[in-house]
């Protein structure tokens, strides 16, 4: 039976491997497609570009620099799952200031493009 990847690992220049908590997500970006409806039903679809993004939470430990996190811009974020698949989000930035709640920072980053890394 095939192994199911459930973990994501993030490597961020200047910070290193982020010790993310369970529940992280990665969206490689691309096109969002919506149905275009006519009187007789769907006539086709329209497209809208979607930026690649990742969301993760990290524990509020002594080594976490909130100021460094919130000011991240123009970094190449490496993302790997526990099956070894790797992607790179290029020219990424922290899209919202990290939020601290319950001892965890919630982080959301977006970038220009995402490509598989072999």
PDB file of N, CA and C in Angstrom:
ATOM      1  N   UNK A   1       0.831  -1.161   0.000  1.00  0.00           N
ATOM      2  CA  UNK A   1       0.000   0.000   0.000  1.00  0.00           C
ATOM      3  C   UNK A   1       0.894   1.248   0.000  1.00  0.00           C
ATOM      4  N   UNK A   2       0.470   2.273  -0.728  1.00  0.00           N
ATOM      5  CA  UNK A   2       1.261   3.488  -0.860  1.00  0.00           C
ATOM      6  C   UNK A   2       1.242   4.316   0.425  1.00  0.00           C
ATOM      7  N   UNK A   3       2.370   4.935   0.703  1.00  0.00           N
ATOM      8  CA  UNK A   3       2.480   5.826   1.855  1.00  0.00           C
ATOM      9  C   UNK A   3       1.830   7.161   1.506  1.00  0.00           C
ATOM     10  N   UNK A   4       1.071   7.711   2.416  1.00  0.00           N
ATOM     11  CA  UNK A   4       0.400   8.993   2.219  1.00  0.00           C
ATOM     12  C   UNK A   4       1.205  10.080   2.927  1.00  0.00           C
ATOM     13  N   UNK A   5       1.597  11.098   2.172  1.00  0.00           N
ATOM     14  CA  UNK A   5       2.365  12.207   2.747  1.00  0.00           C
ATOM     15  C   UNK A   5       1.427  13.120   3.535  1.00  0.00           C
ATOM     16  N   UNK A   6       1.788  13.410   4.781  1.00  0.00           N
ATOM     17  CA  UNK A   6       0.953  14.267   5.616  1.00  0.00           C
ATOM     18  C   UNK A   6       1.709  15.464   6.187  1.00  0.00           C
ATOM     19  N   UNK A   7       3.016  15.460   6.100  1.00  0.00           N
ATOM     20  CA  UNK A   7       3.823  16.528   6.675  1.00  0.00           C
ATOM     21  C   UNK A   7       4.385  17.403   5.569  1.00  0.00           C
ATOM     22  N   UNK A   8       4.565  18.676   5.874  1.00  0.00           N
ATOM     23  CA  UNK A   8       5.243  19.603   4.976  1.00  0.00           C
ATOM     24  C   UNK A   8       6.397  20.242   5.735  1.00  0.00           C
ATOM     25  N   UNK A   9       7.534  20.373   5.045  1.00  0.00           N
ATOM     26  CA  UNK A   9       8.720  20.994   5.617  1.00  0.00           C
ATOM     27  C   UNK A   9       9.025  22.250   4.809  1.00  0.00           C
ATOM     28  N   UNK A  10       9.297  23.350   5.488  1.00  0.00           N
ATOM     29  CA  UNK A  10       9.568  24.633   4.841  1.00  0.00           C
ATOM     30  C   UNK A  10      10.987  25.077   5.182  1.00  0.00           C
ATOM     31  N   UNK A  11      11.770  25.397   4.152  1.00  0.00           N
ATOM     32  CA  UNK A  11      13.103  25.964   4.335  1.00  0.00           C
ATOM     33  C   UNK A  11      13.068  27.393   3.802  1.00  0.00           C
ATOM     34  N   UNK A  12      13.418  28.347   4.681  1.00  0.00           N
ATOM     35  CA  UNK A  12      13.343  29.758   4.339  1.00  0.00           C
ATOM     36  C   UNK A  12      14.721  30.374   4.529  1.00  0.00           C
ATOM     37  N   UNK A  13      15.263  31.017   3.482  1.00  0.00           N
ATOM     38  CA  UNK A  13      16.579  31.644   3.615  1.00  0.00           C
ATOM     39  C   UNK A  13      16.622  32.623   4.792  1.00  0.00           C
ATOM     40  N   UNK A  14      17.704  32.567   5.548  1.00  0.00           N
ATOM     41  CA  UNK A  14      17.881  33.433   6.703  1.00  0.00           C
ATOM     42  C   UNK A  14      17.261  32.876   7.971  1.00  0.00           C
ATOM     43  N   UNK A  15      16.343  31.915   7.831  1.00  0.00           N
ATOM     44  CA  UNK A  15      15.697  31.299   8.990  1.00  0.00           C
ATOM     45  C   UNK A  15      16.051  29.826   9.079  1.00  0.00           C
ATOM     46  N   UNK A  16      16.087  29.149   7.944  1.00  0.00           N
ATOM     47  CA  UNK A  16      16.373  27.723   7.918  1.00  0.00           C
ATOM     48  C   UNK A  16      15.093  26.914   7.881  1.00  0.00           C
ATOM     49  N   UNK A  17      15.188  25.679   8.336  1.00  0.00           N
ATOM     50  CA  UNK A  17      14.007  24.807   8.350  1.00  0.00           C
ATOM     51  C   UNK A  17      13.057  25.274   9.442  1.00  0.00           C
ATOM     52  N   UNK A  18      11.833  25.581   9.038  1.00  0.00           N
ATOM     53  CA  UNK A  18      10.807  26.019   9.973  1.00  0.00           C
ATOM     54  C   UNK A  18      10.192  24.786  10.620  1.00  0.00           C
ATOM     55  N   UNK A  19      10.125  24.776  11.926  1.00  0.00           N
ATOM     56  CA  UNK A  19       9.557  23.659  12.668  1.00  0.00           C
ATOM     57  C   UNK A  19       8.034  23.816  12.691  1.00  0.00           C
ATOM     58  N   UNK A  20       7.396  23.499  11.538  1.00  0.00           N
ATOM     59  CA  UNK A  20       5.960  23.733  11.416  1.00  0.00           C
ATOM     60  C   UNK A  20       5.153  22.668  12.155  1.00  0.00           C
ATOM     61  N   UNK A  21       4.013  23.089  12.643  1.00  0.00           N
ATOM     62  CA  UNK A  21       3.102  22.208  13.353  1.00  0.00           C
ATOM     63  C   UNK A  21       2.198  21.492  12.349  1.00  0.00           C
ATOM     64  N   UNK A  22       1.525  20.409  12.739  1.00  0.00           N
ATOM     65  CA  UNK A  22       0.628  19.710  11.814  1.00  0.00           C
ATOM     66  C   UNK A  22      -0.448  20.643  11.251  1.00  0.00           C
ATOM     67  N   UNK A  23      -0.849  20.378  10.014  1.00  0.00           N
ATOM     68  CA  UNK A  23      -1.912  21.157   9.385  1.00  0.00           C
ATOM     69  C   UNK A  23      -1.433  22.185   8.378  1.00  0.00           C
ATOM     70  N   UNK A  24      -0.144  22.200   8.035  1.00  0.00           N
ATOM     71  CA  UNK A  24       0.381  23.154   7.060  1.00  0.00           C
ATOM     72  C   UNK A  24      -0.224  22.861   5.680  1.00  0.00           C
ATOM     73  N   UNK A  25      -0.248  23.884   4.814  1.00  0.00           N
ATOM     74  CA  UNK A  25      -0.786  23.696   3.465  1.00  0.00           C
ATOM     75  C   UNK A  25       0.088  24.391   2.432  1.00  0.00           C
ATOM     76  N   UNK A  26      -0.005  23.898   1.206  1.00  0.00           N
ATOM     77  CA  UNK A  26       0.729  24.450   0.069  1.00  0.00           C
ATOM     78  C   UNK A  26      -0.193  24.453  -1.138  1.00  0.00           C
ATOM     79  N   UNK A  27      -0.268  25.590  -1.836  1.00  0.00           N
ATOM     80  CA  UNK A  27      -1.043  25.730  -3.062  1.00  0.00           C
ATOM     81  C   UNK A  27      -0.056  26.156  -4.142  1.00  0.00           C
ATOM     82  N   UNK A  28       0.155  25.332  -5.200  1.00  0.00           N
ATOM     83  CA  UNK A  28       1.144  25.682  -6.220  1.00  0.00           C
ATOM     84  C   UNK A  28       0.715  26.820  -7.135  1.00  0.00           C
ATOM     85  N   UNK A  29      -0.491  27.334  -6.957  1.00  0.00           N
ATOM     86  CA  UNK A  29      -0.971  28.405  -7.820  1.00  0.00           C
ATOM     87  C   UNK A  29      -1.376  27.871  -9.176  1.00  0.00           C
ATOM     88  N   UNK A  30      -1.756  28.757 -10.045  1.00  0.00           N
ATOM     89  CA  UNK A  30      -2.203  28.372 -11.383  1.00  0.00           C
ATOM     90  C   UNK A  30      -3.424  29.178 -11.759  1.00  0.00           C
ATOM     91  N   UNK A  31      -4.420  28.496 -12.302  1.00  0.00           N
ATOM     92  CA  UNK A  31      -5.633  29.159 -12.749  1.00  0.00           C
ATOM     93  C   UNK A  31      -6.838  28.694 -11.938  1.00  0.00           C
ATOM     94  N   UNK A  32      -7.639  29.642 -11.482  1.00  0.00           N
ATOM     95  CA  UNK A  32      -8.924  29.340 -10.854  1.00  0.00           C
ATOM     96  C   UNK A  32      -9.956  29.416 -11.974  1.00  0.00           C
ATOM     97  N   UNK A  33     -10.741  28.380 -12.111  1.00  0.00           N
ATOM     98  CA  UNK A  33     -11.727  28.327 -13.193  1.00  0.00           C
ATOM     99  C   UNK A  33     -13.131  28.331 -12.620  1.00  0.00           C
ATOM    100  N   UNK A  34     -13.949  29.231 -13.146  1.00  0.00           N
ATOM    101  CA  UNK A  34     -15.341  29.350 -12.723  1.00  0.00           C
ATOM    102  C   UNK A  34     -16.250  29.139 -13.928  1.00  0.00           C
ATOM    103  N   UNK A  35     -17.349  28.446 -13.706  1.00  0.00           N
ATOM    104  CA  UNK A  35     -18.316  28.221 -14.777  1.00  0.00           C
ATOM    105  C   UNK A  35     -18.941  29.545 -15.199  1.00  0.00           C
ATOM    106  N   UNK A  36     -19.136  29.687 -16.502  1.00  0.00           N
ATOM    107  CA  UNK A  36     -19.887  30.814 -17.057  1.00  0.00           C
ATOM    108  C   UNK A  36     -21.242  30.239 -17.457  1.00  0.00           C
ATOM    109  N   UNK A  37     -22.289  30.726 -16.801  1.00  0.00           N
ATOM    110  CA  UNK A  37     -23.615  30.166 -17.008  1.00  0.00           C
ATOM    111  C   UNK A  37     -24.409  30.967 -18.030  1.00  0.00           C
ATOM    112  N   UNK A  38     -25.081  30.254 -18.926  1.00  0.00           N
ATOM    113  CA  UNK A  38     -25.989  30.842 -19.907  1.00  0.00           C
ATOM    114  C   UNK A  38     -27.397  30.325 -19.605  1.00  0.00           C
ATOM    115  N   UNK A  39     -28.376  30.765 -20.370  1.00  0.00           N
ATOM    116  CA  UNK A  39     -29.757  30.342 -20.138  1.00  0.00           C
ATOM    117  C   UNK A  39     -29.923  28.832 -20.216  1.00  0.00           C
ATOM    118  N   UNK A  40     -29.154  28.164 -21.068  1.00  0.00           N
ATOM    119  CA  UNK A  40     -29.296  26.724 -21.261  1.00  0.00           C
ATOM    120  C   UNK A  40     -28.317  25.897 -20.424  1.00  0.00           C
ATOM    121  N   UNK A  41     -27.563  26.542 -19.551  1.00  0.00           N
ATOM    122  CA  UNK A  41     -26.604  25.822 -18.713  1.00  0.00           C
ATOM    123  C   UNK A  41     -25.209  26.362 -18.905  1.00  0.00           C
ATOM    124  N   UNK A  42     -24.208  25.585 -18.500  1.00  0.00           N
ATOM    125  CA  UNK A  42     -22.820  26.068 -18.605  1.00  0.00           C
ATOM    126  C   UNK A  42     -22.414  26.321 -20.059  1.00  0.00           C
ATOM    127  N   UNK A  43     -21.835  27.503 -20.286  1.00  0.00           N
ATOM    128  CA  UNK A  43     -21.357  27.864 -21.617  1.00  0.00           C
ATOM    129  C   UNK A  43     -19.848  27.695 -21.732  1.00  0.00           C
ATOM    130  N   UNK A  44     -19.202  27.459 -20.632  1.00  0.00           N
ATOM    131  CA  UNK A  44     -17.750  27.325 -20.592  1.00  0.00           C
ATOM    132  C   UNK A  44     -17.252  27.797 -19.242  1.00  0.00           C
ATOM    133  N   UNK A  45     -16.027  28.312 -19.232  1.00  0.00           N
ATOM    134  CA  UNK A  45     -15.457  28.783 -17.973  1.00  0.00           C
ATOM    135  C   UNK A  45     -14.593  30.003 -18.212  1.00  0.00           C
ATOM    136  N   UNK A  46     -14.377  30.743 -17.137  1.00  0.00           N
ATOM    137  CA  UNK A  46     -13.448  31.872 -17.161  1.00  0.00           C
ATOM    138  C   UNK A  46     -12.290  31.518 -16.241  1.00  0.00           C
ATOM    139  N   UNK A  47     -11.155  32.159 -16.457  1.00  0.00           N
ATOM    140  CA  UNK A  47      -9.968  31.887 -15.657  1.00  0.00           C
ATOM    141  C   UNK A  47      -9.473  33.143 -14.963  1.00  0.00           C
ATOM    142  N   UNK A  48      -8.933  32.931 -13.779  1.00  0.00           N
ATOM    143  CA  UNK A  48      -8.320  34.005 -13.014  1.00  0.00           C
ATOM    144  C   UNK A  48      -7.043  33.442 -12.391  1.00  0.00           C
ATOM    145  N   UNK A  49      -5.909  34.127 -12.549  1.00  0.00           N
ATOM    146  CA  UNK A  49      -4.664  33.600 -11.976  1.00  0.00           C
ATOM    147  C   UNK A  49      -4.700  33.598 -10.450  1.00  0.00           C
ATOM    148  N   UNK A  50      -4.066  32.569  -9.870  1.00  0.00           N
ATOM    149  CA  UNK A  50      -3.953  32.430  -8.416  1.00  0.00           C
ATOM    150  C   UNK A  50      -2.469  32.318  -8.071  1.00  0.00           C
ATOM    151  N   UNK A  51      -2.026  33.127  -7.128  1.00  0.00           N
ATOM    152  CA  UNK A  51      -0.621  33.101  -6.706  1.00  0.00           C
ATOM    153  C   UNK A  51      -0.342  31.839  -5.892  1.00  0.00           C
ATOM    154  N   UNK A  52       0.850  31.271  -6.036  1.00  0.00           N
ATOM    155  CA  UNK A  52       1.212  30.157  -5.161  1.00  0.00           C
ATOM    156  C   UNK A  52       1.296  30.647  -3.718  1.00  0.00           C
ATOM    157  N   UNK A  53       0.953  29.762  -2.789  1.00  0.00           N
ATOM    158  CA  UNK A  53       0.956  30.174  -1.387  1.00  0.00           C
ATOM    159  C   UNK A  53       1.222  28.983  -0.474  1.00  0.00           C
ATOM    160  N   UNK A  54       1.601  29.290   0.749  1.00  0.00           N
ATOM    161  CA  UNK A  54       1.735  28.272   1.787  1.00  0.00           C
ATOM    162  C   UNK A  54       1.297  28.890   3.102  1.00  0.00           C
ATOM    163  N   UNK A  55       0.739  28.051   3.952  1.00  0.00           N
ATOM    164  CA  UNK A  55       0.322  28.460   5.283  1.00  0.00           C
ATOM    165  C   UNK A  55       0.857  27.445   6.272  1.00  0.00           C
ATOM    166  N   UNK A  56       1.373  27.936   7.370  1.00  0.00           N
ATOM    167  CA  UNK A  56       1.912  27.046   8.395  1.00  0.00           C
ATOM    168  C   UNK A  56       1.840  27.728   9.753  1.00  0.00           C
ATOM    169  N   UNK A  57       1.917  26.920  10.784  1.00  0.00           N
ATOM    170  CA  UNK A  57       1.980  27.419  12.156  1.00  0.00           C
ATOM    171  C   UNK A  57       3.280  26.934  12.766  1.00  0.00           C
ATOM    172  N   UNK A  58       3.878  27.799  13.585  1.00  0.00           N
ATOM    173  CA  UNK A  58       5.087  27.416  14.305  1.00  0.00           C
ATOM    174  C   UNK A  58       4.908  27.779  15.780  1.00  0.00           C
ATOM    175  N   UNK A  59       5.521  26.988  16.639  1.00  0.00           N
ATOM    176  CA  UNK A  59       5.436  27.231  18.073  1.00  0.00           C
ATOM    177  C   UNK A  59       6.218  28.486  18.445  1.00  0.00           C
ATOM    178  N   UNK A  60       5.710  29.216  19.410  1.00  0.00           N
ATOM    179  CA  UNK A  60       6.356  30.431  19.896  1.00  0.00           C
ATOM    180  C   UNK A  60       7.461  30.042  20.878  1.00  0.00           C
ATOM    181  N   UNK A  61       8.592  29.660  20.314  1.00  0.00           N
ATOM    182  CA  UNK A  61       9.740  29.284  21.138  1.00  0.00           C
ATOM    183  C   UNK A  61      10.751  30.429  21.175  1.00  0.00           C
ATOM    184  N   UNK A  62      11.760  30.299  22.027  1.00  0.00           N
ATOM    185  CA  UNK A  62      12.756  31.362  22.215  1.00  0.00           C
ATOM    186  C   UNK A  62      13.497  31.705  20.921  1.00  0.00           C
ATOM    187  N   UNK A  63      13.638  30.763  19.996  1.00  0.00           N
ATOM    188  CA  UNK A  63      14.411  31.008  18.793  1.00  0.00           C
ATOM    189  C   UNK A  63      13.650  31.676  17.658  1.00  0.00           C
ATOM    190  N   UNK A  64      12.350  31.899  17.819  1.00  0.00           N
ATOM    191  CA  UNK A  64      11.542  32.496  16.754  1.00  0.00           C
ATOM    192  C   UNK A  64      11.654  34.016  16.810  1.00  0.00           C
ATOM    193  N   UNK A  65      12.045  34.623  15.696  1.00  0.00           N
ATOM    194  CA  UNK A  65      12.189  36.076  15.598  1.00  0.00           C
ATOM    195  C   UNK A  65      10.980  36.625  14.837  1.00  0.00           C
ATOM    196  N   UNK A  66       9.995  37.134  15.573  1.00  0.00           N
ATOM    197  CA  UNK A  66       8.765  37.637  14.965  1.00  0.00           C
ATOM    198  C   UNK A  66       9.039  38.757  13.972  1.00  0.00           C
ATOM    199  N   UNK A  67       9.956  39.639  14.306  1.00  0.00           N
ATOM    200  CA  UNK A  67      10.272  40.747  13.411  1.00  0.00           C
ATOM    201  C   UNK A  67      10.835  40.236  12.090  1.00  0.00           C
ATOM    202  N   UNK A  68      11.709  39.234  12.150  1.00  0.00           N
ATOM    203  CA  UNK A  68      12.268  38.659  10.932  1.00  0.00           C
ATOM    204  C   UNK A  68      11.172  37.993  10.098  1.00  0.00           C
ATOM    205  N   UNK A  69      10.276  37.269  10.754  1.00  0.00           N
ATOM    206  CA  UNK A  69       9.179  36.613  10.036  1.00  0.00           C
ATOM    207  C   UNK A  69       8.298  37.626   9.314  1.00  0.00           C
ATOM    208  N   UNK A  70       7.850  38.657  10.024  1.00  0.00           N
ATOM    209  CA  UNK A  70       6.907  39.602   9.420  1.00  0.00           C
ATOM    210  C   UNK A  70       7.515  40.417   8.293  1.00  0.00           C
ATOM    211  N   UNK A  71       8.834  40.534   8.270  1.00  0.00           N
ATOM    212  CA  UNK A  71       9.498  41.330   7.238  1.00  0.00           C
ATOM    213  C   UNK A  71      10.027  40.499   6.073  1.00  0.00           C
ATOM    214  N   UNK A  72       9.680  39.217   5.993  1.00  0.00           N
ATOM    215  CA  UNK A  72      10.167  38.383   4.898  1.00  0.00           C
ATOM    216  C   UNK A  72       9.614  38.858   3.556  1.00  0.00           C
ATOM    217  N   UNK A  73      10.519  39.137   2.630  1.00  0.00           N
ATOM    218  CA  UNK A  73      10.152  39.482   1.258  1.00  0.00           C
ATOM    219  C   UNK A  73      11.226  38.936   0.328  1.00  0.00           C
ATOM    220  N   UNK A  74      10.826  38.634  -0.888  1.00  0.00           N
ATOM    221  CA  UNK A  74      11.749  38.229  -1.949  1.00  0.00           C
ATOM    222  C   UNK A  74      12.655  37.063  -1.534  1.00  0.00           C
ATOM    223  N   UNK A  75      12.051  36.025  -0.938  1.00  0.00           N
ATOM    224  CA  UNK A  75      12.800  34.825  -0.565  1.00  0.00           C
ATOM    225  C   UNK A  75      12.276  33.635  -1.370  1.00  0.00           C
ATOM    226  N   UNK A  76      13.125  32.675  -1.608  1.00  0.00           N
ATOM    227  CA  UNK A  76      12.736  31.449  -2.294  1.00  0.00           C
ATOM    228  C   UNK A  76      12.474  30.382  -1.234  1.00  0.00           C
ATOM    229  N   UNK A  77      11.221  30.001  -1.082  1.00  0.00           N
ATOM    230  CA  UNK A  77      10.815  29.057  -0.045  1.00  0.00           C
ATOM    231  C   UNK A  77      10.789  27.650  -0.621  1.00  0.00           C
ATOM    232  N   UNK A  78      11.533  26.758  -0.001  1.00  0.00           N
ATOM    233  CA  UNK A  78      11.559  25.350  -0.395  1.00  0.00           C
ATOM    234  C   UNK A  78      10.537  24.596   0.437  1.00  0.00           C
ATOM    235  N   UNK A  79       9.709  23.809  -0.243  1.00  0.00           N
ATOM    236  CA  UNK A  79       8.661  23.036   0.427  1.00  0.00           C
ATOM    237  C   UNK A  79       8.849  21.574   0.056  1.00  0.00           C
ATOM    238  N   UNK A  80       8.854  20.713   1.057  1.00  0.00           N
ATOM    239  CA  UNK A  80       9.025  19.276   0.817  1.00  0.00           C
ATOM    240  C   UNK A  80       8.010  18.516   1.656  1.00  0.00           C
ATOM    241  N   UNK A  81       7.405  17.474   1.061  1.00  0.00           N
ATOM    242  CA  UNK A  81       6.522  16.626   1.868  1.00  0.00           C
ATOM    243  C   UNK A  81       7.295  15.413   2.356  1.00  0.00           C
ATOM    244  N   UNK A  82       6.683  14.608   3.206  1.00  0.00           N
ATOM    245  CA  UNK A  82       7.419  13.484   3.785  1.00  0.00           C
ATOM    246  C   UNK A  82       7.539  12.287   2.844  1.00  0.00           C
ATOM    247  N   UNK A  83       7.115  12.434   1.594  1.00  0.00           N
ATOM    248  CA  UNK A  83       7.404  11.443   0.552  1.00  0.00           C
ATOM    249  C   UNK A  83       8.558  11.903  -0.332  1.00  0.00           C
ATOM    250  N   UNK A  84       9.099  13.093  -0.054  1.00  0.00           N
ATOM    251  CA  UNK A  84      10.250  13.580  -0.791  1.00  0.00           C
ATOM    252  C   UNK A  84       9.938  14.489  -1.968  1.00  0.00           C
ATOM    253  N   UNK A  85       8.661  14.764  -2.255  1.00  0.00           N
ATOM    254  CA  UNK A  85       8.338  15.697  -3.332  1.00  0.00           C
ATOM    255  C   UNK A  85       8.693  17.105  -2.888  1.00  0.00           C
ATOM    256  N   UNK A  86       9.344  17.850  -3.781  1.00  0.00           N
ATOM    257  CA  UNK A  86       9.805  19.195  -3.429  1.00  0.00           C
ATOM    258  C   UNK A  86       9.320  20.223  -4.439  1.00  0.00           C
ATOM    259  N   UNK A  87       9.004  21.414  -3.926  1.00  0.00           N
ATOM    260  CA  UNK A  87       8.609  22.560  -4.725  1.00  0.00           C
ATOM    261  C   UNK A  87       9.362  23.778  -4.217  1.00  0.00           C
ATOM    262  N   UNK A  88       9.463  24.793  -5.073  1.00  0.00           N
ATOM    263  CA  UNK A  88      10.086  26.052  -4.695  1.00  0.00           C
ATOM    264  C   UNK A  88       9.124  27.183  -5.053  1.00  0.00           C
ATOM    265  N   UNK A  89       8.745  27.988  -4.047  1.00  0.00           N
ATOM    266  CA  UNK A  89       8.000  29.221  -4.320  1.00  0.00           C
ATOM    267  C   UNK A  89       9.028  30.322  -4.474  1.00  0.00           C
ATOM    268  N   UNK A  90       9.056  30.931  -5.657  1.00  0.00           N
ATOM    269  CA  UNK A  90      10.061  31.960  -5.965  1.00  0.00           C
ATOM    270  C   UNK A  90       9.574  33.351  -5.581  1.00  0.00           C
ATOM    271  N   UNK A  91      10.512  34.172  -5.125  1.00  0.00           N
ATOM    272  CA  UNK A  91      10.265  35.577  -4.762  1.00  0.00           C
ATOM    273  C   UNK A  91       9.082  35.711  -3.812  1.00  0.00           C
ATOM    274  N   UNK A  92       9.052  34.879  -2.776  1.00  0.00           N
ATOM    275  CA  UNK A  92       7.924  34.854  -1.839  1.00  0.00           C
ATOM    276  C   UNK A  92       8.016  35.976  -0.815  1.00  0.00           C
ATOM    277  N   UNK A  93       6.858  36.275  -0.237  1.00  0.00           N
ATOM    278  CA  UNK A  93       6.753  37.291   0.802  1.00  0.00           C
ATOM    279  C   UNK A  93       5.736  36.836   1.843  1.00  0.00           C
ATOM    280  N   UNK A  94       5.849  37.370   3.044  1.00  0.00           N
ATOM    281  CA  UNK A  94       4.859  37.125   4.086  1.00  0.00           C
ATOM    282  C   UNK A  94       3.662  38.000   3.730  1.00  0.00           C
ATOM    283  N   UNK A  95       2.536  37.375   3.362  1.00  0.00           N
ATOM    284  CA  UNK A  95       1.402  38.133   2.844  1.00  0.00           C
ATOM    285  C   UNK A  95       0.552  38.785   3.931  1.00  0.00           C
ATOM    286  N   UNK A  96       0.653  38.289   5.141  1.00  0.00           N
ATOM    287  CA  UNK A  96      -0.028  38.889   6.289  1.00  0.00           C
ATOM    288  C   UNK A  96       0.938  38.839   7.468  1.00  0.00           C
ATOM    289  N   UNK A  97       0.867  39.804   8.374  1.00  0.00           N
ATOM    290  CA  UNK A  97       1.723  39.699   9.549  1.00  0.00           C
ATOM    291  C   UNK A  97       1.401  38.418  10.315  1.00  0.00           C
ATOM    292  N   UNK A  98       2.404  37.712  10.813  1.00  0.00           N
ATOM    293  CA  UNK A  98       2.136  36.501  11.599  1.00  0.00           C
ATOM    294  C   UNK A  98       1.270  36.833  12.815  1.00  0.00           C
ATOM    295  N   UNK A  99       0.343  35.960  13.109  1.00  0.00           N
ATOM    296  CA  UNK A  99      -0.559  36.150  14.245  1.00  0.00           C
ATOM    297  C   UNK A  99      -0.183  35.182  15.358  1.00  0.00           C
ATOM    298  N   UNK A 100      -0.045  35.693  16.571  1.00  0.00           N
ATOM    299  CA  UNK A 100       0.269  34.858  17.729  1.00  0.00           C
ATOM    300  C   UNK A 100      -1.010  34.572  18.493  1.00  0.00           C
ATOM    301  N   UNK A 101      -1.302  33.286  18.670  1.00  0.00           N
ATOM    302  CA  UNK A 101      -2.479  32.871  19.428  1.00  0.00           C
ATOM    303  C   UNK A 101      -2.233  31.483  20.004  1.00  0.00           C
ATOM    304  N   UNK A 102      -2.480  31.321  21.280  1.00  0.00           N
ATOM    305  CA  UNK A 102      -2.331  30.023  21.916  1.00  0.00           C
ATOM    306  C   UNK A 102      -0.934  29.441  21.832  1.00  0.00           C
ATOM    307  N   UNK A 103       0.078  30.303  21.829  1.00  0.00           N
ATOM    308  CA  UNK A 103       1.460  29.834  21.771  1.00  0.00           C
ATOM    309  C   UNK A 103       1.936  29.447  20.388  1.00  0.00           C
ATOM    310  N   UNK A 104       1.171  29.817  19.350  1.00  0.00           N
ATOM    311  CA  UNK A 104       1.533  29.477  17.968  1.00  0.00           C
ATOM    312  C   UNK A 104       1.451  30.709  17.077  1.00  0.00           C
ATOM    313  N   UNK A 105       2.420  30.824  16.166  1.00  0.00           N
ATOM    314  CA  UNK A 105       2.369  31.850  15.127  1.00  0.00           C
ATOM    315  C   UNK A 105       1.735  31.243  13.886  1.00  0.00           C
ATOM    316  N   UNK A 106       0.726  31.914  13.337  1.00  0.00           N
ATOM    317  CA  UNK A 106       0.131  31.521  12.064  1.00  0.00           C
ATOM    318  C   UNK A 106       0.762  32.373  10.975  1.00  0.00           C
ATOM    319  N   UNK A 107       1.323  31.713   9.966  1.00  0.00           N
ATOM    320  CA  UNK A 107       2.043  32.411   8.900  1.00  0.00           C
ATOM    321  C   UNK A 107       1.437  32.072   7.544  1.00  0.00           C
ATOM    322  N   UNK A 108       1.351  33.081   6.688  1.00  0.00           N
ATOM    323  CA  UNK A 108       0.880  32.875   5.322  1.00  0.00           C
ATOM    324  C   UNK A 108       1.826  33.601   4.379  1.00  0.00           C
ATOM    325  N   UNK A 109       2.331  32.856   3.380  1.00  0.00           N
ATOM    326  CA  UNK A 109       3.246  33.426   2.399  1.00  0.00           C
ATOM    327  C   UNK A 109       2.695  33.205   0.997  1.00  0.00           C
ATOM    328  N   UNK A 110       3.003  34.132   0.104  1.00  0.00           N
ATOM    329  CA  UNK A 110       2.655  34.023  -1.306  1.00  0.00           C
ATOM    330  C   UNK A 110       3.900  34.332  -2.116  1.00  0.00           C
ATOM    331  N   UNK A 111       3.875  33.982  -3.395  1.00  0.00           N
ATOM    332  CA  UNK A 111       5.034  34.233  -4.231  1.00  0.00           C
ATOM    333  C   UNK A 111       4.658  34.436  -5.683  1.00  0.00           C
ATOM    334  N   UNK A 112       5.674  34.590  -6.510  1.00  0.00           N
ATOM    335  CA  UNK A 112       5.490  34.848  -7.939  1.00  0.00           C
ATOM    336  C   UNK A 112       5.168  33.569  -8.695  1.00  0.00           C
ATOM    337  N   UNK A 113       5.896  32.504  -8.410  1.00  0.00           N
ATOM    338  CA  UNK A 113       5.675  31.234  -9.108  1.00  0.00           C
ATOM    339  C   UNK A 113       6.092  30.083  -8.200  1.00  0.00           C
ATOM    340  N   UNK A 114       5.596  28.891  -8.525  1.00  0.00           N
ATOM    341  CA  UNK A 114       5.993  27.679  -7.802  1.00  0.00           C
ATOM    342  C   UNK A 114       6.323  26.613  -8.830  1.00  0.00           C
ATOM    343  N   UNK A 115       7.457  25.966  -8.645  1.00  0.00           N
ATOM    344  CA  UNK A 115       7.902  24.948  -9.590  1.00  0.00           C
ATOM    345  C   UNK A 115       8.403  23.724  -8.845  1.00  0.00           C
ATOM    346  N   UNK A 116       8.158  22.536  -9.428  1.00  0.00           N
ATOM    347  CA  UNK A 116       8.702  21.323  -8.810  1.00  0.00           C
ATOM    348  C   UNK A 116      10.226  21.330  -8.870  1.00  0.00           C
ATOM    349  N   UNK A 117      10.844  20.762  -7.864  1.00  0.00           N
ATOM    350  CA  UNK A 117      12.299  20.657  -7.795  1.00  0.00           C
ATOM    351  C   UNK A 117      12.642  19.177  -7.843  1.00  0.00           C
ATOM    352  N   UNK A 118      13.562  18.837  -8.747  1.00  0.00           N
ATOM    353  CA  UNK A 118      13.934  17.412  -8.836  1.00  0.00           C
ATOM    354  C   UNK A 118      15.290  17.153  -8.220  1.00  0.00           C
TER     355      UNK A 118
END
